[in-house]
Amino acid sequence: MALVPYEEGAGWGARQLHSPSATYRFASHTIRLRQDWRRLGVAAVVWDAAVVLCAYLEMGGIDLRDRSVIELGAGTGLLGIVATLLDRAAALEFLESNVQANLPSELCRRAVVKELTWGKDLGNFPPGAFDFILGADIVYLEETFAELLQTLEHLCSEQTVILLSCRIRYERDHKFLKMLRGHFSVYEVHYDSSKDVHIYKAQRGSRKDDF
């Protein structure tokens, strides 16, 4: 269980979380997402870390064309939708509805929504099969850190690039970065001071390759 210190009426940011929809403009497309804080909580709203990572991808420094990409902790699906556009359960149904509503029909088949419980269900995902692994605000429950690392290791090849965006709020966030550095080479590649969101790049070994 996660305790999230937001209440209705607590400010603009909180009102955005409680809004039934959110609209963004990325990859020359208007993306309109359903949100449902009351029914599904943190999984069904757009967090700043996802917006910042989408903007970072849109800067054009990363070529996603013909690359295999997986988003962990997809929530509303904003990040995965933008990644697909750049490449030309209740919560799963909710995510699927946002994907179908925002991708052109010719791209829908390229974005697959599947359940992945960290540290479990890994047999349903081929090891080392992805060029990029994306995650926005997925580091917040300390008891899941070991399983998240196990999942990242399973999905990664020597060439896979992990991009994680997050706010560094608590000591446990630093603990996860330390754990991540025990398995991967980790570098901060972007910081959005207006939203206080960091983007980290991680790869196996000691590589510091360009994208």
N, C-alpha and C. Protein backbone atom coordinates (compact mmCIF):
# COMPACT_ATOMS: atom_id res chain seq x y z
N MET A 1 0.85 -1.20 0.00
CA MET A 1 0.00 0.00 0.00
C MET A 1 0.88 1.24 0.00
N ALA A 2 0.50 2.25 -0.78
CA ALA A 2 1.25 3.50 -0.82
C ALA A 2 0.40 4.62 -0.24
N LEU A 3 0.97 5.41 0.65
CA LEU A 3 0.29 6.58 1.18
C LEU A 3 0.74 7.78 0.36
N VAL A 4 -0.20 8.43 -0.30
CA VAL A 4 0.13 9.54 -1.19
C VAL A 4 -0.47 10.82 -0.62
N PRO A 5 0.34 11.82 -0.28
CA PRO A 5 -0.15 13.02 0.41
C PRO A 5 -0.80 14.03 -0.51
N TYR A 6 -1.90 13.63 -1.16
CA TYR A 6 -2.65 14.56 -2.00
C TYR A 6 -4.11 14.51 -1.58
N GLU A 7 -4.72 15.68 -1.51
CA GLU A 7 -6.15 15.75 -1.23
C GLU A 7 -6.78 16.69 -2.23
N GLU A 8 -8.06 16.43 -2.54
CA GLU A 8 -8.76 17.32 -3.45
C GLU A 8 -8.79 18.72 -2.86
N GLY A 9 -8.56 19.71 -3.75
CA GLY A 9 -8.56 21.09 -3.30
C GLY A 9 -7.23 21.54 -2.72
N ALA A 10 -6.19 20.66 -2.80
CA ALA A 10 -4.91 20.97 -2.18
C ALA A 10 -3.99 21.76 -3.09
N GLY A 11 -4.47 22.24 -4.22
CA GLY A 11 -3.62 23.01 -5.12
C GLY A 11 -3.79 22.55 -6.55
N TRP A 12 -3.14 23.31 -7.47
CA TRP A 12 -3.32 23.02 -8.90
C TRP A 12 -2.87 21.61 -9.23
N GLY A 13 -1.69 21.19 -8.72
CA GLY A 13 -1.18 19.86 -9.03
C GLY A 13 -2.14 18.77 -8.61
N ALA A 14 -2.68 18.89 -7.41
CA ALA A 14 -3.63 17.89 -6.92
C ALA A 14 -4.91 17.90 -7.75
N ARG A 15 -5.37 19.09 -8.15
CA ARG A 15 -6.58 19.16 -8.97
C ARG A 15 -6.37 18.46 -10.31
N GLN A 16 -5.15 18.59 -10.86
CA GLN A 16 -4.85 17.90 -12.10
C GLN A 16 -4.96 16.39 -11.93
N LEU A 17 -4.50 15.88 -10.80
CA LEU A 17 -4.57 14.44 -10.55
C LEU A 17 -6.00 13.97 -10.46
N HIS A 18 -6.86 14.78 -9.91
CA HIS A 18 -8.26 14.39 -9.73
C HIS A 18 -9.13 14.70 -10.94
N SER A 19 -8.57 15.36 -11.95
CA SER A 19 -9.33 15.64 -13.16
C SER A 19 -9.62 14.33 -13.90
N PRO A 20 -10.79 14.20 -14.54
CA PRO A 20 -11.11 12.96 -15.25
C PRO A 20 -10.33 12.79 -16.55
N SER A 21 -9.60 13.81 -16.98
CA SER A 21 -8.84 13.69 -18.22
C SER A 21 -7.63 14.61 -18.18
N ALA A 22 -6.68 14.33 -19.06
CA ALA A 22 -5.49 15.17 -19.20
C ALA A 22 -5.12 15.20 -20.68
N THR A 23 -4.71 16.37 -21.17
CA THR A 23 -4.40 16.53 -22.59
C THR A 23 -2.98 17.04 -22.76
N TYR A 24 -2.26 16.44 -23.72
CA TYR A 24 -0.87 16.80 -23.99
C TYR A 24 -0.65 16.86 -25.49
N ARG A 25 0.43 17.53 -25.88
CA ARG A 25 0.81 17.62 -27.29
C ARG A 25 2.24 17.13 -27.44
N PHE A 26 2.40 15.95 -28.06
CA PHE A 26 3.70 15.37 -28.31
C PHE A 26 3.70 14.75 -29.70
N ALA A 27 4.86 14.74 -30.33
CA ALA A 27 5.05 14.06 -31.62
C ALA A 27 4.02 14.52 -32.65
N SER A 28 3.69 15.81 -32.63
CA SER A 28 2.71 16.41 -33.55
C SER A 28 1.32 15.80 -33.40
N HIS A 29 1.03 15.22 -32.26
CA HIS A 29 -0.28 14.64 -31.98
C HIS A 29 -0.82 15.21 -30.67
N THR A 30 -2.12 15.43 -30.62
CA THR A 30 -2.78 15.76 -29.37
C THR A 30 -3.19 14.46 -28.70
N ILE A 31 -2.75 14.27 -27.47
CA ILE A 31 -3.02 13.03 -26.73
C ILE A 31 -3.97 13.36 -25.59
N ARG A 32 -5.13 12.72 -25.61
CA ARG A 32 -6.14 12.94 -24.57
C ARG A 32 -6.29 11.65 -23.77
N LEU A 33 -6.00 11.75 -22.49
CA LEU A 33 -5.98 10.57 -21.63
C LEU A 33 -7.07 10.63 -20.58
N ARG A 34 -7.72 9.49 -20.36
CA ARG A 34 -8.63 9.37 -19.23
C ARG A 34 -7.81 9.22 -17.95
N GLN A 35 -8.31 9.81 -16.87
CA GLN A 35 -7.73 9.62 -15.54
C GLN A 35 -8.84 9.16 -14.59
N ASP A 36 -8.47 8.38 -13.57
CA ASP A 36 -9.47 7.90 -12.62
C ASP A 36 -8.82 7.66 -11.27
N TRP A 37 -8.50 8.76 -10.60
CA TRP A 37 -7.85 8.67 -9.28
C TRP A 37 -8.72 7.94 -8.27
N ARG A 38 -10.00 8.23 -8.25
CA ARG A 38 -10.88 7.65 -7.23
C ARG A 38 -10.95 6.13 -7.31
N ARG A 39 -10.99 5.59 -8.53
CA ARG A 39 -11.17 4.15 -8.68
C ARG A 39 -9.85 3.38 -8.69
N LEU A 40 -8.81 3.96 -9.30
CA LEU A 40 -7.58 3.21 -9.52
C LEU A 40 -6.34 3.84 -8.89
N GLY A 41 -6.47 5.04 -8.31
CA GLY A 41 -5.37 5.65 -7.58
C GLY A 41 -4.19 6.03 -8.46
N VAL A 42 -2.97 5.78 -7.95
CA VAL A 42 -1.75 6.28 -8.59
C VAL A 42 -1.53 5.72 -9.99
N ALA A 43 -2.15 4.57 -10.31
CA ALA A 43 -1.95 3.94 -11.62
C ALA A 43 -2.72 4.65 -12.72
N ALA A 44 -3.64 5.53 -12.37
CA ALA A 44 -4.55 6.07 -13.38
C ALA A 44 -4.51 7.58 -13.50
N VAL A 45 -3.35 8.17 -13.18
CA VAL A 45 -3.15 9.60 -13.37
C VAL A 45 -1.77 9.82 -13.98
N VAL A 46 -1.59 10.98 -14.61
CA VAL A 46 -0.31 11.30 -15.26
C VAL A 46 0.57 12.05 -14.27
N TRP A 47 1.78 11.56 -14.07
CA TRP A 47 2.73 12.19 -13.15
C TRP A 47 3.76 12.99 -13.94
N ASP A 48 4.31 14.01 -13.31
CA ASP A 48 5.26 14.91 -13.98
C ASP A 48 6.44 14.16 -14.60
N ALA A 49 6.89 13.10 -13.95
CA ALA A 49 8.05 12.36 -14.46
C ALA A 49 7.78 11.81 -15.85
N ALA A 50 6.54 11.39 -16.10
CA ALA A 50 6.19 10.88 -17.44
C ALA A 50 6.22 12.01 -18.46
N VAL A 51 5.72 13.18 -18.09
CA VAL A 51 5.69 14.32 -19.01
C VAL A 51 7.11 14.75 -19.37
N VAL A 52 7.99 14.80 -18.37
CA VAL A 52 9.37 15.23 -18.60
C VAL A 52 10.10 14.23 -19.49
N LEU A 53 9.91 12.93 -19.26
CA LEU A 53 10.58 11.93 -20.09
C LEU A 53 10.04 11.95 -21.52
N CYS A 54 8.74 12.19 -21.69
CA CYS A 54 8.19 12.35 -23.04
C CYS A 54 8.84 13.52 -23.77
N ALA A 55 8.99 14.65 -23.06
CA ALA A 55 9.61 15.83 -23.67
C ALA A 55 11.07 15.53 -24.02
N TYR A 56 11.75 14.79 -23.17
CA TYR A 56 13.14 14.43 -23.44
C TYR A 56 13.25 13.55 -24.69
N LEU A 57 12.35 12.58 -24.82
CA LEU A 57 12.36 11.73 -26.02
C LEU A 57 12.08 12.56 -27.27
N GLU A 58 11.18 13.54 -27.14
CA GLU A 58 10.79 14.34 -28.29
C GLU A 58 11.90 15.29 -28.74
N MET A 59 12.86 15.54 -27.88
CA MET A 59 13.97 16.41 -28.27
C MET A 59 14.73 15.85 -29.47
N GLY A 60 14.62 14.56 -29.69
CA GLY A 60 15.20 13.97 -30.89
C GLY A 60 16.57 13.37 -30.72
N GLY A 61 17.09 13.34 -29.51
CA GLY A 61 18.41 12.78 -29.30
C GLY A 61 18.43 11.26 -29.33
N ILE A 62 17.26 10.64 -29.31
CA ILE A 62 17.16 9.18 -29.28
C ILE A 62 16.35 8.74 -30.48
N ASP A 63 16.88 7.82 -31.26
CA ASP A 63 16.19 7.30 -32.44
C ASP A 63 15.46 6.02 -32.06
N LEU A 64 14.13 6.07 -32.01
CA LEU A 64 13.34 4.90 -31.63
C LEU A 64 12.80 4.14 -32.83
N ARG A 65 13.12 4.58 -34.03
CA ARG A 65 12.58 3.92 -35.22
C ARG A 65 13.07 2.49 -35.29
N ASP A 66 12.12 1.57 -35.49
CA ASP A 66 12.43 0.15 -35.65
C ASP A 66 13.15 -0.44 -34.45
N ARG A 67 12.91 0.13 -33.27
CA ARG A 67 13.51 -0.39 -32.05
C ARG A 67 12.43 -0.98 -31.17
N SER A 68 12.79 -1.98 -30.39
CA SER A 68 11.83 -2.57 -29.45
C SER A 68 11.94 -1.83 -28.12
N VAL A 69 10.78 -1.39 -27.62
CA VAL A 69 10.73 -0.55 -26.42
C VAL A 69 9.70 -1.12 -25.47
N ILE A 70 10.02 -1.17 -24.18
CA ILE A 70 9.05 -1.58 -23.17
C ILE A 70 8.97 -0.49 -22.11
N GLU A 71 7.74 -0.14 -21.70
CA GLU A 71 7.54 0.80 -20.61
C GLU A 71 7.07 0.02 -19.39
N LEU A 72 7.77 0.19 -18.28
CA LEU A 72 7.37 -0.43 -17.02
C LEU A 72 6.49 0.53 -16.23
N GLY A 73 5.51 -0.03 -15.50
CA GLY A 73 4.63 0.81 -14.69
C GLY A 73 3.92 1.84 -15.52
N ALA A 74 3.27 1.40 -16.62
CA ALA A 74 2.78 2.31 -17.65
C ALA A 74 1.68 3.26 -17.19
N GLY A 75 0.89 2.88 -16.21
CA GLY A 75 -0.15 3.79 -15.72
C GLY A 75 -1.15 4.16 -16.79
N THR A 76 -1.20 5.44 -17.14
CA THR A 76 -2.14 5.90 -18.17
C THR A 76 -1.63 5.61 -19.58
N GLY A 77 -0.34 5.27 -19.71
CA GLY A 77 0.21 4.94 -21.02
C GLY A 77 0.81 6.09 -21.78
N LEU A 78 0.88 7.29 -21.18
CA LEU A 78 1.37 8.46 -21.92
C LEU A 78 2.75 8.21 -22.53
N LEU A 79 3.67 7.70 -21.72
CA LEU A 79 5.04 7.52 -22.19
C LEU A 79 5.12 6.51 -23.33
N GLY A 80 4.43 5.38 -23.18
CA GLY A 80 4.43 4.37 -24.24
C GLY A 80 3.77 4.86 -25.52
N ILE A 81 2.72 5.65 -25.37
CA ILE A 81 2.04 6.22 -26.54
C ILE A 81 2.99 7.13 -27.30
N VAL A 82 3.68 8.02 -26.57
CA VAL A 82 4.61 8.94 -27.22
C VAL A 82 5.75 8.18 -27.87
N ALA A 83 6.29 7.15 -27.20
CA ALA A 83 7.36 6.36 -27.79
C ALA A 83 6.91 5.71 -29.08
N THR A 84 5.67 5.21 -29.12
CA THR A 84 5.15 4.58 -30.33
C THR A 84 4.96 5.62 -31.44
N LEU A 85 4.45 6.80 -31.09
CA LEU A 85 4.26 7.84 -32.09
C LEU A 85 5.59 8.30 -32.67
N LEU A 86 6.61 8.38 -31.82
CA LEU A 86 7.92 8.80 -32.30
C LEU A 86 8.53 7.75 -33.21
N ASP A 87 8.11 6.52 -33.03
CA ASP A 87 8.55 5.42 -33.87
C ASP A 87 7.53 5.18 -34.97
N ARG A 88 6.89 6.05 -35.30
CA ARG A 88 5.78 5.92 -36.27
C ARG A 88 5.10 4.62 -35.87
N ALA A 89 -6.36 -6.23 -16.44
CA ALA A 89 -7.15 -6.17 -15.23
C ALA A 89 -7.98 -4.90 -15.24
N ALA A 90 -8.53 -4.22 -14.45
CA ALA A 90 -9.20 -2.93 -14.58
C ALA A 90 -8.17 -1.93 -15.02
N ALA A 91 -7.03 -1.94 -14.34
CA ALA A 91 -5.99 -1.00 -14.71
C ALA A 91 -5.48 -1.28 -16.11
N LEU A 92 -5.36 -2.54 -16.49
CA LEU A 92 -4.91 -2.88 -17.84
C LEU A 92 -5.94 -2.46 -18.87
N GLU A 93 -7.21 -2.67 -18.58
CA GLU A 93 -8.27 -2.25 -19.49
C GLU A 93 -8.26 -0.73 -19.65
N PHE A 94 -8.03 -0.05 -18.53
CA PHE A 94 -7.96 1.42 -18.54
C PHE A 94 -6.81 1.88 -19.43
N LEU A 95 -5.65 1.26 -19.25
CA LEU A 95 -4.48 1.59 -20.06
C LEU A 95 -4.74 1.29 -21.53
N GLU A 96 -5.32 0.14 -21.82
CA GLU A 96 -5.62 -0.25 -23.20
C GLU A 96 -6.54 0.76 -23.86
N SER A 97 -7.52 1.27 -23.12
CA SER A 97 -8.46 2.23 -23.70
C SER A 97 -7.75 3.52 -24.08
N ASN A 98 -6.78 3.97 -23.26
CA ASN A 98 -6.03 5.18 -23.60
C ASN A 98 -5.14 4.96 -24.81
N VAL A 99 -4.53 3.78 -24.90
CA VAL A 99 -3.69 3.47 -26.06
C VAL A 99 -4.53 3.47 -27.34
N GLN A 100 -5.66 2.78 -27.31
CA GLN A 100 -6.51 2.69 -28.50
C GLN A 100 -7.06 4.05 -28.91
N ALA A 101 -7.31 4.92 -27.92
CA ALA A 101 -7.91 6.22 -28.22
C ALA A 101 -6.91 7.22 -28.80
N ASN A 102 -5.61 6.96 -28.64
CA ASN A 102 -4.62 7.98 -29.00
C ASN A 102 -3.64 7.58 -30.08
N LEU A 103 -3.61 6.31 -30.48
CA LEU A 103 -2.72 5.90 -31.55
C LEU A 103 -3.48 5.72 -32.85
N PRO A 104 -2.93 6.18 -33.96
CA PRO A 104 -3.55 5.90 -35.26
C PRO A 104 -3.68 4.39 -35.46
N SER A 105 -4.68 3.98 -36.20
CA SER A 105 -4.97 2.55 -36.35
C SER A 105 -3.77 1.76 -36.85
N GLU A 106 -2.96 2.38 -37.71
CA GLU A 106 -1.82 1.64 -38.27
C GLU A 106 -0.71 1.42 -37.24
N LEU A 107 -0.76 2.15 -36.11
CA LEU A 107 0.26 1.98 -35.08
C LEU A 107 -0.21 1.16 -33.89
N CYS A 108 -1.53 0.96 -33.78
CA CYS A 108 -2.08 0.28 -32.61
C CYS A 108 -1.48 -1.11 -32.41
N ARG A 109 -1.27 -1.82 -33.50
CA ARG A 109 -0.77 -3.19 -33.38
C ARG A 109 0.67 -3.22 -32.84
N ARG A 110 1.37 -2.09 -32.88
CA ARG A 110 2.75 -2.05 -32.42
C ARG A 110 2.85 -1.81 -30.92
N ALA A 111 1.78 -1.36 -30.30
CA ALA A 111 1.78 -1.10 -28.86
C ALA A 111 0.97 -2.20 -28.17
N VAL A 112 1.63 -3.08 -27.47
CA VAL A 112 0.98 -4.23 -26.82
C VAL A 112 0.92 -3.98 -25.32
N VAL A 113 -0.26 -4.10 -24.74
CA VAL A 113 -0.45 -3.95 -23.30
C VAL A 113 -0.46 -5.33 -22.66
N LYS A 114 0.49 -5.58 -21.75
CA LYS A 114 0.58 -6.86 -21.07
C LYS A 114 0.86 -6.63 -19.59
N GLU A 115 0.38 -7.54 -18.76
CA GLU A 115 0.64 -7.47 -17.32
C GLU A 115 2.03 -8.00 -17.02
N LEU A 116 2.77 -7.26 -16.20
CA LEU A 116 4.08 -7.71 -15.73
C LEU A 116 4.21 -7.31 -14.27
N THR A 117 4.15 -8.28 -13.39
CA THR A 117 4.41 -8.04 -11.97
C THR A 117 5.90 -8.18 -11.74
N TRP A 118 6.52 -7.14 -11.21
CA TRP A 118 7.98 -7.15 -11.08
C TRP A 118 8.45 -8.38 -10.32
N GLY A 119 9.43 -9.05 -10.90
CA GLY A 119 9.98 -10.25 -10.29
C GLY A 119 9.18 -11.50 -10.58
N LYS A 120 8.01 -11.33 -11.22
CA LYS A 120 7.15 -12.46 -11.58
C LYS A 120 6.78 -12.31 -13.06
N ASP A 121 6.12 -13.30 -13.60
CA ASP A 121 5.65 -13.24 -14.99
C ASP A 121 6.79 -13.04 -15.98
N LEU A 122 8.04 -13.19 -15.55
CA LEU A 122 9.15 -12.86 -16.44
C LEU A 122 9.27 -13.84 -17.60
N GLY A 123 8.74 -15.05 -17.41
CA GLY A 123 8.75 -16.02 -18.50
C GLY A 123 7.92 -15.59 -19.69
N ASN A 124 7.01 -14.63 -19.48
CA ASN A 124 6.18 -14.13 -20.57
C ASN A 124 6.89 -13.07 -21.41
N PHE A 125 8.10 -12.70 -21.01
CA PHE A 125 8.86 -11.67 -21.71
C PHE A 125 10.24 -12.23 -22.03
N PRO A 126 10.61 -12.27 -23.31
CA PRO A 126 11.91 -12.85 -23.67
C PRO A 126 13.06 -12.07 -23.05
N PRO A 127 14.04 -12.76 -22.49
CA PRO A 127 15.17 -12.05 -21.85
C PRO A 127 16.00 -11.28 -22.86
N GLY A 128 16.37 -10.07 -22.48
CA GLY A 128 17.26 -9.26 -23.30
C GLY A 128 16.71 -8.87 -24.65
N ALA A 129 15.38 -8.79 -24.78
CA ALA A 129 14.77 -8.59 -26.11
C ALA A 129 14.49 -7.14 -26.45
N PHE A 130 14.78 -6.22 -25.54
CA PHE A 130 14.36 -4.83 -25.75
C PHE A 130 15.56 -3.91 -25.91
N ASP A 131 15.43 -2.97 -26.85
CA ASP A 131 16.46 -1.96 -27.06
C ASP A 131 16.39 -0.87 -26.00
N PHE A 132 15.16 -0.51 -25.60
CA PHE A 132 14.96 0.53 -24.59
C PHE A 132 13.95 0.05 -23.55
N ILE A 133 14.21 0.40 -22.30
CA ILE A 133 13.27 0.20 -21.21
C ILE A 133 12.98 1.57 -20.61
N LEU A 134 11.72 1.95 -20.57
CA LEU A 134 11.31 3.26 -20.07
C LEU A 134 10.53 3.10 -18.77
N GLY A 135 10.75 4.02 -17.85
CA GLY A 135 9.99 4.00 -16.60
C GLY A 135 9.88 5.40 -16.04
N ALA A 136 8.67 5.82 -15.69
CA ALA A 136 8.44 7.15 -15.11
C ALA A 136 7.78 7.00 -13.75
N ASP A 137 8.45 7.51 -12.72
CA ASP A 137 7.95 7.46 -11.34
C ASP A 137 7.58 6.04 -10.92
N ILE A 138 8.46 5.09 -11.19
CA ILE A 138 8.20 3.72 -10.76
C ILE A 138 9.01 3.36 -9.51
N VAL A 139 9.78 4.31 -9.00
CA VAL A 139 10.60 4.06 -7.82
C VAL A 139 9.96 4.75 -6.63
N TYR A 140 9.09 4.06 -5.90
CA TYR A 140 8.47 4.70 -4.73
C TYR A 140 8.14 3.72 -3.62
N LEU A 141 8.12 2.42 -3.89
CA LEU A 141 7.86 1.44 -2.84
C LEU A 141 9.14 0.63 -2.59
N GLU A 142 9.76 0.85 -1.45
CA GLU A 142 11.05 0.23 -1.18
C GLU A 142 10.98 -1.28 -1.21
N GLU A 143 9.85 -1.85 -0.80
CA GLU A 143 9.75 -3.30 -0.76
C GLU A 143 9.73 -3.94 -2.15
N THR A 144 9.59 -3.12 -3.20
CA THR A 144 9.59 -3.67 -4.57
C THR A 144 10.93 -3.48 -5.28
N PHE A 145 11.91 -2.84 -4.63
CA PHE A 145 13.16 -2.51 -5.31
C PHE A 145 13.88 -3.75 -5.84
N ALA A 146 13.99 -4.79 -5.02
CA ALA A 146 14.71 -6.00 -5.45
C ALA A 146 14.03 -6.63 -6.65
N GLU A 147 12.69 -6.69 -6.63
CA GLU A 147 11.96 -7.28 -7.75
C GLU A 147 12.07 -6.43 -9.01
N LEU A 148 12.08 -5.10 -8.85
CA LEU A 148 12.26 -4.22 -10.00
C LEU A 148 13.64 -4.43 -10.63
N LEU A 149 14.67 -4.53 -9.81
CA LEU A 149 16.01 -4.78 -10.34
C LEU A 149 16.08 -6.14 -11.04
N GLN A 150 15.44 -7.14 -10.46
CA GLN A 150 15.40 -8.47 -11.10
C GLN A 150 14.74 -8.38 -12.48
N THR A 151 13.67 -7.59 -12.56
CA THR A 151 12.96 -7.41 -13.83
C THR A 151 13.84 -6.70 -14.85
N LEU A 152 14.51 -5.63 -14.44
CA LEU A 152 15.39 -4.91 -15.35
C LEU A 152 16.51 -5.82 -15.86
N GLU A 153 17.09 -6.61 -14.98
CA GLU A 153 18.17 -7.50 -15.40
C GLU A 153 17.67 -8.54 -16.40
N HIS A 154 16.45 -9.03 -16.20
CA HIS A 154 15.89 -10.02 -17.13
C HIS A 154 15.65 -9.42 -18.51
N LEU A 155 15.15 -8.20 -18.54
CA LEU A 155 14.76 -7.58 -19.81
C LEU A 155 15.95 -7.01 -20.59
N CYS A 156 17.08 -6.81 -19.92
CA CYS A 156 18.22 -6.12 -20.52
C CYS A 156 19.16 -7.07 -21.24
N SER A 157 19.67 -6.62 -22.38
CA SER A 157 20.83 -7.21 -23.02
C SER A 157 22.02 -6.28 -22.75
N GLU A 158 23.18 -6.60 -23.32
CA GLU A 158 24.34 -5.73 -23.16
C GLU A 158 24.12 -4.38 -23.85
N GLN A 159 23.23 -4.33 -24.85
CA GLN A 159 23.01 -3.10 -25.60
C GLN A 159 21.80 -2.30 -25.12
N THR A 160 20.97 -2.87 -24.25
CA THR A 160 19.74 -2.21 -23.82
C THR A 160 20.04 -0.91 -23.06
N VAL A 161 19.25 0.13 -23.36
CA VAL A 161 19.34 1.41 -22.65
C VAL A 161 18.09 1.55 -21.77
N ILE A 162 18.30 1.78 -20.48
CA ILE A 162 17.21 2.04 -19.53
C ILE A 162 17.13 3.55 -19.31
N LEU A 163 15.93 4.11 -19.41
CA LEU A 163 15.70 5.52 -19.08
C LEU A 163 14.64 5.60 -17.98
N LEU A 164 15.03 6.09 -16.84
CA LEU A 164 14.13 6.22 -15.70
C LEU A 164 14.02 7.69 -15.31
N SER A 165 12.78 8.18 -15.20
CA SER A 165 12.57 9.56 -14.75
C SER A 165 11.87 9.54 -13.40
N CYS A 166 12.28 10.44 -12.52
CA CYS A 166 11.71 10.43 -11.17
C CYS A 166 12.08 11.71 -10.44
N ARG A 167 11.35 11.98 -9.38
CA ARG A 167 11.76 12.97 -8.40
C ARG A 167 12.54 12.24 -7.30
N ILE A 168 13.54 12.89 -6.77
CA ILE A 168 14.28 12.34 -5.64
C ILE A 168 13.69 12.97 -4.38
N ARG A 169 12.74 12.25 -3.77
CA ARG A 169 11.98 12.83 -2.66
C ARG A 169 12.51 12.38 -1.30
N TYR A 170 12.92 11.12 -1.22
CA TYR A 170 13.19 10.52 0.08
C TYR A 170 14.53 9.78 0.04
N GLU A 171 15.01 9.40 1.20
CA GLU A 171 16.26 8.65 1.31
C GLU A 171 16.15 7.32 0.55
N ARG A 172 14.97 6.72 0.52
CA ARG A 172 14.82 5.44 -0.19
C ARG A 172 15.06 5.60 -1.69
N ASP A 173 14.81 6.79 -2.24
CA ASP A 173 15.08 7.01 -3.66
C ASP A 173 16.59 6.92 -3.93
N HIS A 174 17.39 7.51 -3.03
CA HIS A 174 18.84 7.41 -3.15
C HIS A 174 19.28 5.95 -2.98
N LYS A 175 18.59 5.23 -2.10
CA LYS A 175 18.92 3.82 -1.89
C LYS A 175 18.72 3.02 -3.17
N PHE A 176 17.61 3.31 -3.89
CA PHE A 176 17.39 2.57 -5.14
C PHE A 176 18.48 2.89 -6.15
N LEU A 177 18.86 4.15 -6.28
CA LEU A 177 19.92 4.50 -7.23
C LEU A 177 21.22 3.78 -6.88
N LYS A 178 21.51 3.66 -5.60
CA LYS A 178 22.70 2.93 -5.18
C LYS A 178 22.59 1.46 -5.57
N MET A 179 21.41 0.87 -5.36
CA MET A 179 21.19 -0.52 -5.76
C MET A 179 21.32 -0.68 -7.28
N LEU A 180 20.76 0.28 -8.02
CA LEU A 180 20.83 0.23 -9.48
C LEU A 180 22.28 0.28 -9.95
N ARG A 181 23.08 1.13 -9.31
CA ARG A 181 24.49 1.26 -9.69
C ARG A 181 25.28 -0.01 -9.37
N GLY A 182 24.73 -0.87 -8.50
CA GLY A 182 25.38 -2.14 -8.23
C GLY A 182 25.22 -3.14 -9.36
N HIS A 183 24.30 -2.86 -10.29
CA HIS A 183 24.03 -3.78 -11.40
C HIS A 183 24.28 -3.14 -12.77
N PHE A 184 24.23 -1.81 -12.84
CA PHE A 184 24.33 -1.11 -14.12
C PHE A 184 25.22 0.12 -13.96
N SER A 185 25.72 0.62 -15.08
CA SER A 185 26.34 1.94 -15.10
C SER A 185 25.23 2.97 -15.23
N VAL A 186 25.20 3.94 -14.33
CA VAL A 186 24.08 4.87 -14.23
C VAL A 186 24.59 6.31 -14.35
N TYR A 187 23.94 7.10 -15.22
CA TYR A 187 24.31 8.50 -15.42
C TYR A 187 23.04 9.35 -15.47
N GLU A 188 23.10 10.52 -14.86
CA GLU A 188 22.00 11.48 -15.02
C GLU A 188 22.18 12.19 -16.35
N VAL A 189 21.15 12.15 -17.20
CA VAL A 189 21.26 12.73 -18.54
C VAL A 189 20.40 13.98 -18.72
N HIS A 190 19.51 14.25 -17.77
CA HIS A 190 18.64 15.42 -17.92
C HIS A 190 18.03 15.76 -16.56
N TYR A 191 17.84 17.05 -16.33
CA TYR A 191 17.15 17.51 -15.12
C TYR A 191 16.23 18.65 -15.49
N ASP A 192 14.95 18.52 -15.16
CA ASP A 192 13.96 19.57 -15.39
C ASP A 192 13.75 20.29 -14.06
N SER A 193 14.35 21.47 -13.93
CA SER A 193 14.28 22.18 -12.66
C SER A 193 12.88 22.70 -12.36
N SER A 194 12.08 22.95 -13.40
CA SER A 194 10.73 23.48 -13.17
C SER A 194 9.83 22.43 -12.52
N LYS A 195 10.09 21.17 -12.78
CA LYS A 195 9.28 20.09 -12.19
C LYS A 195 10.07 19.24 -11.20
N ASP A 196 11.37 19.56 -11.03
CA ASP A 196 12.24 18.82 -10.13
C ASP A 196 12.25 17.33 -10.47
N VAL A 197 12.42 17.03 -11.76
CA VAL A 197 12.44 15.65 -12.23
C VAL A 197 13.79 15.34 -12.87
N HIS A 198 14.37 14.22 -12.47
CA HIS A 198 15.65 13.76 -13.00
C HIS A 198 15.40 12.62 -13.99
N ILE A 199 16.25 12.53 -15.03
CA ILE A 199 16.22 11.38 -15.94
C ILE A 199 17.58 10.70 -15.87
N TYR A 200 17.55 9.40 -15.58
CA TYR A 200 18.77 8.61 -15.47
C TYR A 200 18.82 7.59 -16.61
N LYS A 201 20.02 7.42 -17.15
CA LYS A 201 20.29 6.40 -18.16
C LYS A 201 21.11 5.30 -17.50
N ALA A 202 20.73 4.04 -17.72
CA ALA A 202 21.46 2.91 -17.15
C ALA A 202 21.73 1.88 -18.23
N GLN A 203 22.92 1.29 -18.21
CA GLN A 203 23.30 0.21 -19.11
C GLN A 203 24.17 -0.77 -18.35
N ARG A 204 24.23 -2.00 -18.86
CA ARG A 204 25.13 -2.98 -18.28
C ARG A 204 26.58 -2.54 -18.48
N GLY A 205 27.45 -3.01 -17.58
CA GLY A 205 28.87 -2.77 -17.75
C GLY A 205 29.26 -1.33 -17.49
N SER A 206 30.38 -0.93 -18.04
CA SER A 206 30.93 0.40 -17.79
C SER A 206 30.77 1.32 -18.98
N ARG A 207 29.84 0.97 -19.89
CA ARG A 207 29.68 1.75 -21.11
C ARG A 207 29.04 3.09 -20.83
N LYS A 208 29.44 4.10 -21.60
CA LYS A 208 28.80 5.41 -21.53
C LYS A 208 28.54 5.85 -22.97
N ASP A 209 27.84 4.96 -23.70
CA ASP A 209 27.62 5.19 -25.12
C ASP A 209 26.64 6.32 -25.37
N ASP A 210 26.76 6.94 -26.54
CA ASP A 210 25.70 7.81 -27.01
C ASP A 210 24.52 6.94 -27.39
N PHE A 211 23.31 7.55 -27.44
CA PHE A 211 22.11 6.79 -27.79
C PHE A 211 22.18 6.39 -29.26
